[in-house]
C-alpha atoms as a PDB file:
ATOM      1  CA  UNK A   1     164.339 135.483 103.869  1.00  0.00           C
ATOM      2  CA  UNK A   2     164.507 132.679 101.313  1.00  0.00           C
ATOM      3  CA  UNK A   3     167.377 131.064 103.202  1.00  0.00           C
ATOM      4  CA  UNK A   4     165.457 131.125 106.482  1.00  0.00           C
ATOM      5  CA  UNK A   5     162.389 129.550 104.861  1.00  0.00           C
ATOM      6  CA  UNK A   6     164.523 126.908 103.163  1.00  0.00           C
ATOM      7  CA  UNK A   7     166.203 125.950 106.434  1.00  0.00           C
ATOM      8  CA  UNK A   8     162.816 125.891 108.159  1.00  0.00           C
ATOM      9  CA  UNK A   9     161.387 123.644 105.417  1.00  0.00           C
ATOM     10  CA  UNK A  10     164.325 121.271 105.861  1.00  0.00           C
ATOM     11  CA  UNK A  11     163.773 121.132 109.609  1.00  0.00           C
ATOM     12  CA  UNK A  12     160.069 120.393 109.146  1.00  0.00           C
ATOM     13  CA  UNK A  13     160.935 117.693 106.607  1.00  0.00           C
ATOM     14  CA  UNK A  14     163.198 116.050 109.195  1.00  0.00           C
ATOM     15  CA  UNK A  15     160.406 116.287 111.778  1.00  0.00           C
ATOM     16  CA  UNK A  16     158.081 114.484 109.364  1.00  0.00           C
ATOM     17  CA  UNK A  17     160.705 111.744 109.101  1.00  0.00           C
ATOM     18  CA  UNK A  18     160.808 111.423 112.876  1.00  0.00           C
ATOM     19  CA  UNK A  19     157.022 111.172 113.035  1.00  0.00           C
ATOM     20  CA  UNK A  20     157.070 108.488 110.344  1.00  0.00           C
ATOM     21  CA  UNK A  21     159.441 106.469 112.521  1.00  0.00           C
ATOM     22  CA  UNK A  22     156.836 106.677 115.302  1.00  0.00           C
ATOM     23  CA  UNK A  23     154.138 105.515 112.883  1.00  0.00           C
ATOM     24  CA  UNK A  24     156.182 102.514 111.755  1.00  0.00           C
ATOM     25  CA  UNK A  25     157.645 101.486 115.115  1.00  0.00           C
ATOM     26  CA  UNK A  26     155.054 102.708 117.602  1.00  0.00           C
ATOM     27  CA  UNK A  27     154.561 100.156 120.368  1.00  0.00           C
ATOM     28  CA  UNK A  28     150.805 100.727 120.578  1.00  0.00           C
ATOM     29  CA  UNK A  29     148.072 101.543 118.123  1.00  0.00           C
ATOM     30  CA  UNK A  30     147.506 104.953 119.718  1.00  0.00           C
ATOM     31  CA  UNK A  31     151.179 105.870 119.270  1.00  0.00           C
ATOM     32  CA  UNK A  32     150.831 105.102 115.582  1.00  0.00           C
ATOM     33  CA  UNK A  33     147.648 107.133 115.243  1.00  0.00           C
ATOM     34  CA  UNK A  34     149.125 110.145 117.039  1.00  0.00           C
ATOM     35  CA  UNK A  35     152.241 109.851 114.851  1.00  0.00           C
ATOM     36  CA  UNK A  36     150.014 109.865 111.785  1.00  0.00           C
ATOM     37  CA  UNK A  37     148.260 113.005 113.017  1.00  0.00           C
ATOM     38  CA  UNK A  38     151.664 114.599 113.587  1.00  0.00           C
ATOM     39  CA  UNK A  39     152.701 113.771 110.015  1.00  0.00           C
ATOM     40  CA  UNK A  40     149.545 115.485 108.761  1.00  0.00           C
ATOM     41  CA  UNK A  41     150.181 118.594 110.834  1.00  0.00           C
ATOM     42  CA  UNK A  42     153.799 118.880 109.745  1.00  0.00           C
ATOM     43  CA  UNK A  43     152.765 118.398 106.121  1.00  0.00           C
ATOM     44  CA  UNK A  44     150.365 121.331 106.443  1.00  0.00           C
ATOM     45  CA  UNK A  45     153.165 123.537 107.734  1.00  0.00           C
ATOM     46  CA  UNK A  46     155.468 122.337 104.964  1.00  0.00           C
ATOM     47  CA  UNK A  47     152.858 123.160 102.317  1.00  0.00           C
ATOM     48  CA  UNK A  48     152.508 126.727 103.585  1.00  0.00           C
ATOM     49  CA  UNK A  49     156.294 127.224 103.693  1.00  0.00           C
ATOM     50  CA  UNK A  50     156.706 125.828 100.167  1.00  0.00           C
ATOM     51  CA  UNK A  51     153.958 128.207  99.040  1.00  0.00           C
ATOM     52  CA  UNK A  52     155.896 131.138 100.459  1.00  0.00           C
ATOM     53  CA  UNK A  53     159.083 129.928  98.787  1.00  0.00           C
ATOM     54  CA  UNK A  54     157.395 129.562  95.408  1.00  0.00           C
ATOM     55  CA  UNK A  55     155.775 132.989  95.562  1.00  0.00           C
ATOM     56  CA  UNK A  56     152.247 131.557  95.240  1.00  0.00           C
ATOM     57  CA  UNK A  57     151.073 131.161  98.858  1.00  0.00           C
ATOM     58  CA  UNK A  58     147.363 131.436  98.021  1.00  0.00           C
ATOM     59  CA  UNK A  59     147.402 128.244  95.955  1.00  0.00           C
ATOM     60  CA  UNK A  60     149.309 126.239  98.566  1.00  0.00           C
ATOM     61  CA  UNK A  61     147.151 127.527 101.429  1.00  0.00           C
ATOM     62  CA  UNK A  62     144.043 126.255  99.633  1.00  0.00           C
ATOM     63  CA  UNK A  63     145.689 122.854  99.202  1.00  0.00           C
ATOM     64  CA  UNK A  64     146.767 122.852 102.860  1.00  0.00           C
ATOM     65  CA  UNK A  65     143.228 123.658 104.024  1.00  0.00           C
ATOM     66  CA  UNK A  66     141.765 120.801 101.995  1.00  0.00           C
ATOM     67  CA  UNK A  67     144.475 118.426 103.245  1.00  0.00           C
ATOM     68  CA  UNK A  68     143.840 119.511 106.838  1.00  0.00           C
ATOM     69  CA  UNK A  69     140.110 118.896 106.514  1.00  0.00           C
ATOM     70  CA  UNK A  70     140.692 115.419 105.084  1.00  0.00           C
ATOM     71  CA  UNK A  71     143.186 114.637 107.859  1.00  0.00           C
ATOM     72  CA  UNK A  72     140.811 115.839 110.562  1.00  0.00           C
ATOM     73  CA  UNK A  73     137.930 113.793 109.220  1.00  0.00           C
ATOM     74  CA  UNK A  74     140.071 110.684 108.893  1.00  0.00           C
ATOM     75  CA  UNK A  75     141.192 111.000 112.528  1.00  0.00           C
ATOM     76  CA  UNK A  76     137.543 111.277 113.586  1.00  0.00           C
ATOM     77  CA  UNK A  77     136.676 108.150 111.617  1.00  0.00           C
ATOM     78  CA  UNK A  78     139.604 106.217 113.130  1.00  0.00           C
ATOM     79  CA  UNK A  79     138.681 107.304 116.648  1.00  0.00           C
ATOM     80  CA  UNK A  80     135.058 106.304 116.145  1.00  0.00           C
ATOM     81  CA  UNK A  81     136.094 102.958 114.658  1.00  0.00           C
ATOM     82  CA  UNK A  82     138.396 102.044 117.533  1.00  0.00           C
ATOM     83  CA  UNK A  83     136.015 103.423 120.160  1.00  0.00           C
ATOM     84  CA  UNK A  84     133.458 100.859 119.012  1.00  0.00           C
ATOM     85  CA  UNK A  85     135.883  98.132 120.108  1.00  0.00           C
ATOM     86  CA  UNK A  86     136.963  96.861 116.731  1.00  0.00           C
ATOM     87  CA  UNK A  87     140.684  96.228 116.850  1.00  0.00           C
ATOM     88  CA  UNK A  88     142.632  95.699 113.616  1.00  0.00           C
END
């Protein structure tokens, strides 16, 4: 089971790299924002998998929940900011 989780963690890590490419090279602002949301989601999954690998999933799930809440609130703030018509 450890091998499967390790391979899965590596695949998620590569997916985070792909999403970071979208954040850096996205042609529009909305592509960059959606790429940033994707990085946050993949990081949550990676935290839970690392928690399972370390044998302490309860600690990593708490961290993932806090990180998810911060990511959700930051996406709401960005959407509200750009909805008001203020471009960077």
